[in-house]
Amino acid sequence: MLKTLFQISSNKWYWLAFLALGISLEGVALFYQYGLDYMPCVLCIHIRVWVVGMIAVSLLALFLYKQWQGLLLAQLLMSIIGAGMLERSYQLLGTERGFLSGACSMDSGLPDWFALDVWVPVMFEVQEPCGYTPELLFGVTMAEALIVFSAILFLMSALFVWANLATQMAKNK
């Protein structure tokens, strides 16, 4: 099983799928913003930043997929991205459902050296306070979908990190 997981994560199609998924997620977010007029809150913007990180890691992995150390780095980074998205999604769902408060403001919270909201306001400018997310399909809100996606991304990436390490340790014995 570990060898199979390692083979999956070392395949360029795996990383191309993540690249396509990240671009699709950003496309959906922009469609909801500009096509359906649902403006993003600060938590939504933070999730968009994590998704851009997912796209960047996917591109990096496409260059490094033949080296196990590069794959390990990419999977570790993807695990961090999954954890970051999970935390932000939890805050978003908590704000939407009312079991958390105080996680939202109109300030992006991004540092001056990483001012995406200034550099690319069309995608990263906070335009609305938190409170609700739009319904996607079958009554599932964007916050609900994001928390499930983020949890799967984190768990899957952590599993692939473990498979990568275990496979390399077995080769070195």
C-alpha atoms as a PDB file:
ATOM      1  CA  MET A   1       0.000   0.000   0.000  1.00  0.00           C
ATOM      2  CA  LEU A   2       2.786   2.453   0.872  1.00  0.00           C
ATOM      3  CA  LYS A   3       4.493   1.827  -2.431  1.00  0.00           C
ATOM      4  CA  THR A   4       1.218   2.481  -4.275  1.00  0.00           C
ATOM      5  CA  LEU A   5       0.665   5.730  -2.380  1.00  0.00           C
ATOM      6  CA  PHE A   6       4.237   6.789  -3.143  1.00  0.00           C
ATOM      7  CA  GLN A   7       3.733   5.992  -6.832  1.00  0.00           C
ATOM      8  CA  ILE A   8       0.534   8.032  -6.926  1.00  0.00           C
ATOM      9  CA  SER A   9       2.180  11.069  -5.325  1.00  0.00           C
ATOM     10  CA  SER A  10       5.207  10.820  -7.599  1.00  0.00           C
ATOM     11  CA  ASN A  11       3.084  10.920 -10.723  1.00  0.00           C
ATOM     12  CA  LYS A  12       2.868  14.195 -12.605  1.00  0.00           C
ATOM     13  CA  TRP A  13      -0.880  13.651 -13.149  1.00  0.00           C
ATOM     14  CA  TYR A  14      -1.431  13.781  -9.399  1.00  0.00           C
ATOM     15  CA  TRP A  15       0.149  17.224  -9.264  1.00  0.00           C
ATOM     16  CA  LEU A  16      -1.592  18.364 -12.451  1.00  0.00           C
ATOM     17  CA  ALA A  17      -4.880  17.393 -10.796  1.00  0.00           C
ATOM     18  CA  PHE A  18      -4.029  19.602  -7.801  1.00  0.00           C
ATOM     19  CA  LEU A  19      -3.092  22.434 -10.135  1.00  0.00           C
ATOM     20  CA  ALA A  20      -6.400  22.109 -12.000  1.00  0.00           C
ATOM     21  CA  LEU A  21      -8.296  21.850  -8.717  1.00  0.00           C
ATOM     22  CA  GLY A  22      -6.671  25.005  -7.349  1.00  0.00           C
ATOM     23  CA  ILE A  23      -7.378  26.969 -10.519  1.00  0.00           C
ATOM     24  CA  SER A  24     -10.968  25.685 -10.471  1.00  0.00           C
ATOM     25  CA  LEU A  25     -11.445  26.713  -6.844  1.00  0.00           C
ATOM     26  CA  GLU A  26     -10.201  30.217  -7.596  1.00  0.00           C
ATOM     27  CA  GLY A  27     -12.428  30.327 -10.672  1.00  0.00           C
ATOM     28  CA  VAL A  28     -15.490  29.342  -8.634  1.00  0.00           C
ATOM     29  CA  ALA A  29     -14.656  31.983  -6.021  1.00  0.00           C
ATOM     30  CA  LEU A  30     -14.338  34.671  -8.696  1.00  0.00           C
ATOM     31  CA  PHE A  31     -17.556  33.509 -10.383  1.00  0.00           C
ATOM     32  CA  TYR A  32     -19.433  33.836  -7.107  1.00  0.00           C
ATOM     33  CA  GLN A  33     -17.874  37.258  -6.561  1.00  0.00           C
ATOM     34  CA  TYR A  34     -18.306  38.799  -9.998  1.00  0.00           C
ATOM     35  CA  GLY A  35     -20.996  36.635 -11.583  1.00  0.00           C
ATOM     36  CA  LEU A  36     -23.344  36.157  -8.629  1.00  0.00           C
ATOM     37  CA  ASP A  37     -22.361  39.238  -6.602  1.00  0.00           C
ATOM     38  CA  TYR A  38     -21.281  37.486  -3.380  1.00  0.00           C
ATOM     39  CA  MET A  39     -18.477  39.653  -2.079  1.00  0.00           C
ATOM     40  CA  PRO A  40     -15.627  38.010  -0.122  1.00  0.00           C
ATOM     41  CA  CYS A  41     -14.954  38.468   3.573  1.00  0.00           C
ATOM     42  CA  VAL A  42     -11.520  38.372   5.195  1.00  0.00           C
ATOM     43  CA  LEU A  43     -11.746  34.635   5.905  1.00  0.00           C
ATOM     44  CA  CYS A  44     -12.679  33.965   2.284  1.00  0.00           C
ATOM     45  CA  ILE A  45      -9.654  35.987   1.184  1.00  0.00           C
ATOM     46  CA  HIS A  46      -7.393  34.008   3.518  1.00  0.00           C
ATOM     47  CA  ILE A  47      -8.691  30.768   2.000  1.00  0.00           C
ATOM     48  CA  ARG A  48      -8.011  32.183  -1.470  1.00  0.00           C
ATOM     49  CA  VAL A  49      -4.421  32.877  -0.410  1.00  0.00           C
ATOM     50  CA  TRP A  50      -4.064  29.261   0.782  1.00  0.00           C
ATOM     51  CA  VAL A  51      -5.460  28.051  -2.559  1.00  0.00           C
ATOM     52  CA  VAL A  52      -2.872  30.150  -4.402  1.00  0.00           C
ATOM     53  CA  GLY A  53      -0.302  28.395  -2.220  1.00  0.00           C
ATOM     54  CA  MET A  54      -1.742  25.066  -3.347  1.00  0.00           C
ATOM     55  CA  ILE A  55      -1.338  26.147  -6.969  1.00  0.00           C
ATOM     56  CA  ALA A  56       2.253  27.256  -6.341  1.00  0.00           C
ATOM     57  CA  VAL A  57       3.158  23.992  -4.580  1.00  0.00           C
ATOM     58  CA  SER A  58       1.592  22.016  -7.435  1.00  0.00           C
ATOM     59  CA  LEU A  59       3.744  23.900  -9.928  1.00  0.00           C
ATOM     60  CA  LEU A  60       6.824  23.309  -7.781  1.00  0.00           C
ATOM     61  CA  ALA A  61       6.028  19.605  -7.543  1.00  0.00           C
ATOM     62  CA  LEU A  62       5.703  19.352 -11.315  1.00  0.00           C
ATOM     63  CA  PHE A  63       9.354  20.389 -11.541  1.00  0.00           C
ATOM     64  CA  LEU A  64      10.467  18.143  -8.674  1.00  0.00           C
ATOM     65  CA  TYR A  65       8.277  15.053  -9.041  1.00  0.00           C
ATOM     66  CA  LYS A  66      11.169  12.815 -10.107  1.00  0.00           C
ATOM     67  CA  GLN A  67      13.115  13.502  -6.901  1.00  0.00           C
ATOM     68  CA  TRP A  68      11.760  11.989  -3.706  1.00  0.00           C
ATOM     69  CA  GLN A  69      13.074  14.897  -1.602  1.00  0.00           C
ATOM     70  CA  GLY A  70      11.172  17.335  -3.814  1.00  0.00           C
ATOM     71  CA  LEU A  71       8.036  15.251  -3.465  1.00  0.00           C
ATOM     72  CA  LEU A  72       8.464  15.114   0.283  1.00  0.00           C
ATOM     73  CA  LEU A  73       8.843  18.888   0.421  1.00  0.00           C
ATOM     74  CA  ALA A  74       5.784  19.377  -1.787  1.00  0.00           C
ATOM     75  CA  GLN A  75       3.690  16.992   0.316  1.00  0.00           C
ATOM     76  CA  LEU A  76       4.821  18.666   3.547  1.00  0.00           C
ATOM     77  CA  LEU A  77       3.888  22.058   2.117  1.00  0.00           C
ATOM     78  CA  MET A  78       0.550  20.676   0.933  1.00  0.00           C
ATOM     79  CA  SER A  79      -0.093  19.369   4.472  1.00  0.00           C
ATOM     80  CA  ILE A  80       0.601  22.844   5.864  1.00  0.00           C
ATOM     81  CA  ILE A  81      -1.735  24.352   3.268  1.00  0.00           C
ATOM     82  CA  GLY A  82      -4.418  21.814   4.186  1.00  0.00           C
ATOM     83  CA  ALA A  83      -4.030  22.645   7.876  1.00  0.00           C
ATOM     84  CA  GLY A  84      -4.161  26.383   7.179  1.00  0.00           C
ATOM     85  CA  MET A  85      -7.243  26.025   5.016  1.00  0.00           C
ATOM     86  CA  LEU A  86      -8.880  23.812   7.638  1.00  0.00           C
ATOM     87  CA  GLU A  87      -8.304  26.395  10.364  1.00  0.00           C
ATOM     88  CA  ARG A  88      -9.663  29.253   8.232  1.00  0.00           C
ATOM     89  CA  SER A  89     -12.616  27.116   7.089  1.00  0.00           C
ATOM     90  CA  TYR A  90     -13.408  26.260  10.706  1.00  0.00           C
ATOM     91  CA  GLN A  91     -13.373  29.977  11.567  1.00  0.00           C
ATOM     92  CA  LEU A  92     -15.631  30.673   8.575  1.00  0.00           C
ATOM     93  CA  LEU A  93     -18.096  27.929   9.484  1.00  0.00           C
ATOM     94  CA  GLY A  94     -18.043  29.005  13.145  1.00  0.00           C
ATOM     95  CA  THR A  95     -18.796  32.588  12.175  1.00  0.00           C
ATOM     96  CA  GLU A  96     -21.562  31.472   9.821  1.00  0.00           C
ATOM     97  CA  ARG A  97     -23.177  29.187  12.410  1.00  0.00           C
ATOM     98  CA  GLY A  98     -22.599  31.540  15.347  1.00  0.00           C
ATOM     99  CA  PHE A  99     -20.432  29.303  17.540  1.00  0.00           C
ATOM    100  CA  LEU A 100     -17.367  31.548  17.003  1.00  0.00           C
ATOM    101  CA  SER A 101     -17.061  35.298  16.914  1.00  0.00           C
ATOM    102  CA  GLY A 102     -14.333  37.863  16.555  1.00  0.00           C
ATOM    103  CA  ALA A 103     -12.518  36.112  13.692  1.00  0.00           C
ATOM    104  CA  CYS A 104     -13.594  38.643  11.123  1.00  0.00           C
ATOM    105  CA  SER A 105     -12.727  42.218  10.257  1.00  0.00           C
ATOM    106  CA  MET A 106     -12.515  44.363   7.158  1.00  0.00           C
ATOM    107  CA  ASP A 107      -8.691  44.367   7.332  1.00  0.00           C
ATOM    108  CA  SER A 108      -6.998  41.606   5.334  1.00  0.00           C
ATOM    109  CA  GLY A 109      -4.403  41.029   8.034  1.00  0.00           C
ATOM    110  CA  LEU A 110      -1.733  40.483   5.400  1.00  0.00           C
ATOM    111  CA  PRO A 111       1.700  41.945   6.151  1.00  0.00           C
ATOM    112  CA  ASP A 112       3.025  44.893   4.124  1.00  0.00           C
ATOM    113  CA  TRP A 113       5.596  42.686   2.407  1.00  0.00           C
ATOM    114  CA  PHE A 114       2.782  40.374   1.207  1.00  0.00           C
ATOM    115  CA  ALA A 115       0.053  42.895   0.413  1.00  0.00           C
ATOM    116  CA  LEU A 116      -1.938  40.837  -2.071  1.00  0.00           C
ATOM    117  CA  ASP A 117      -5.007  42.941  -1.313  1.00  0.00           C
ATOM    118  CA  VAL A 118      -3.101  45.979  -2.630  1.00  0.00           C
ATOM    119  CA  TRP A 119      -1.308  44.252  -5.502  1.00  0.00           C
ATOM    120  CA  VAL A 120      -4.270  42.235  -6.821  1.00  0.00           C
ATOM    121  CA  PRO A 121      -7.411  43.806  -5.336  1.00  0.00           C
ATOM    122  CA  VAL A 122      -9.654  42.197  -7.955  1.00  0.00           C
ATOM    123  CA  MET A 123      -8.988  38.864  -6.248  1.00  0.00           C
ATOM    124  CA  PHE A 124      -7.814  39.590  -2.698  1.00  0.00           C
ATOM    125  CA  GLU A 125      -9.617  42.722  -1.496  1.00  0.00           C
ATOM    126  CA  VAL A 126     -11.911  42.233   1.512  1.00  0.00           C
ATOM    127  CA  GLN A 127     -15.286  43.627   0.508  1.00  0.00           C
ATOM    128  CA  GLU A 128     -17.737  42.374   3.093  1.00  0.00           C
ATOM    129  CA  PRO A 129     -17.882  41.456   6.791  1.00  0.00           C
ATOM    130  CA  CYS A 130     -18.245  37.766   7.634  1.00  0.00           C
ATOM    131  CA  GLY A 131     -21.583  36.272   8.441  1.00  0.00           C
ATOM    132  CA  TYR A 132     -22.726  33.832   5.815  1.00  0.00           C
ATOM    133  CA  THR A 133     -21.475  32.040   2.742  1.00  0.00           C
ATOM    134  CA  PRO A 134     -23.491  31.268  -0.355  1.00  0.00           C
ATOM    135  CA  GLU A 135     -25.201  27.959  -0.920  1.00  0.00           C
ATOM    136  CA  LEU A 136     -23.484  25.791  -3.518  1.00  0.00           C
ATOM    137  CA  LEU A 137     -25.508  22.667  -4.288  1.00  0.00           C
ATOM    138  CA  PHE A 138     -28.064  20.602  -2.350  1.00  0.00           C
ATOM    139  CA  GLY A 139     -28.162  23.076   0.537  1.00  0.00           C
ATOM    140  CA  VAL A 140     -24.413  22.821   1.232  1.00  0.00           C
ATOM    141  CA  THR A 141     -22.863  26.194   1.961  1.00  0.00           C
ATOM    142  CA  MET A 142     -19.431  27.248   0.790  1.00  0.00           C
ATOM    143  CA  ALA A 143     -18.139  27.130   4.386  1.00  0.00           C
ATOM    144  CA  GLU A 144     -19.352  23.541   4.807  1.00  0.00           C
ATOM    145  CA  ALA A 145     -17.794  22.458   1.512  1.00  0.00           C
ATOM    146  CA  LEU A 146     -14.512  24.190   2.330  1.00  0.00           C
ATOM    147  CA  ILE A 147     -14.142  22.516   5.714  1.00  0.00           C
ATOM    148  CA  VAL A 148     -14.705  19.065   4.193  1.00  0.00           C
ATOM    149  CA  PHE A 149     -12.319  19.791   1.311  1.00  0.00           C
ATOM    150  CA  SER A 150      -9.661  21.162   3.672  1.00  0.00           C
ATOM    151  CA  ALA A 151      -9.886  18.176   6.009  1.00  0.00           C
ATOM    152  CA  ILE A 152      -9.530  15.756   3.092  1.00  0.00           C
ATOM    153  CA  LEU A 153      -6.591  17.744   1.690  1.00  0.00           C
ATOM    154  CA  PHE A 154      -4.811  17.759   5.052  1.00  0.00           C
ATOM    155  CA  LEU A 155      -5.384  14.067   5.796  1.00  0.00           C
ATOM    156  CA  MET A 156      -4.485  12.963   2.283  1.00  0.00           C
ATOM    157  CA  SER A 157      -1.303  15.045   2.206  1.00  0.00           C
ATOM    158  CA  ALA A 158      -0.246  13.785   5.634  1.00  0.00           C
ATOM    159  CA  LEU A 159      -0.831  10.225   4.439  1.00  0.00           C
ATOM    160  CA  PHE A 160       1.337  10.854   1.382  1.00  0.00           C
ATOM    161  CA  VAL A 161       4.092  12.367   3.538  1.00  0.00           C
ATOM    162  CA  TRP A 162       4.063   9.202   5.622  1.00  0.00           C
ATOM    163  CA  ALA A 163       4.079   6.998   2.485  1.00  0.00           C
ATOM    164  CA  ASN A 164       6.993   8.976   1.025  1.00  0.00           C
ATOM    165  CA  LEU A 165       9.057   8.675   4.207  1.00  0.00           C
ATOM    166  CA  ALA A 166       8.237   5.015   4.779  1.00  0.00           C
ATOM    167  CA  THR A 167       9.052   4.087   1.184  1.00  0.00           C
ATOM    168  CA  GLN A 168      12.414   5.835   1.343  1.00  0.00           C
ATOM    169  CA  MET A 169      13.257   4.255   4.696  1.00  0.00           C
ATOM    170  CA  ALA A 170      12.454   0.810   3.275  1.00  0.00           C
ATOM    171  CA  LYS A 171      14.718   1.497   0.279  1.00  0.00           C
ATOM    172  CA  ASN A 172      17.585   2.516   2.556  1.00  0.00           C
ATOM    173  CA  LYS A 173      17.488  -0.695   4.620  1.00  0.00           C
END
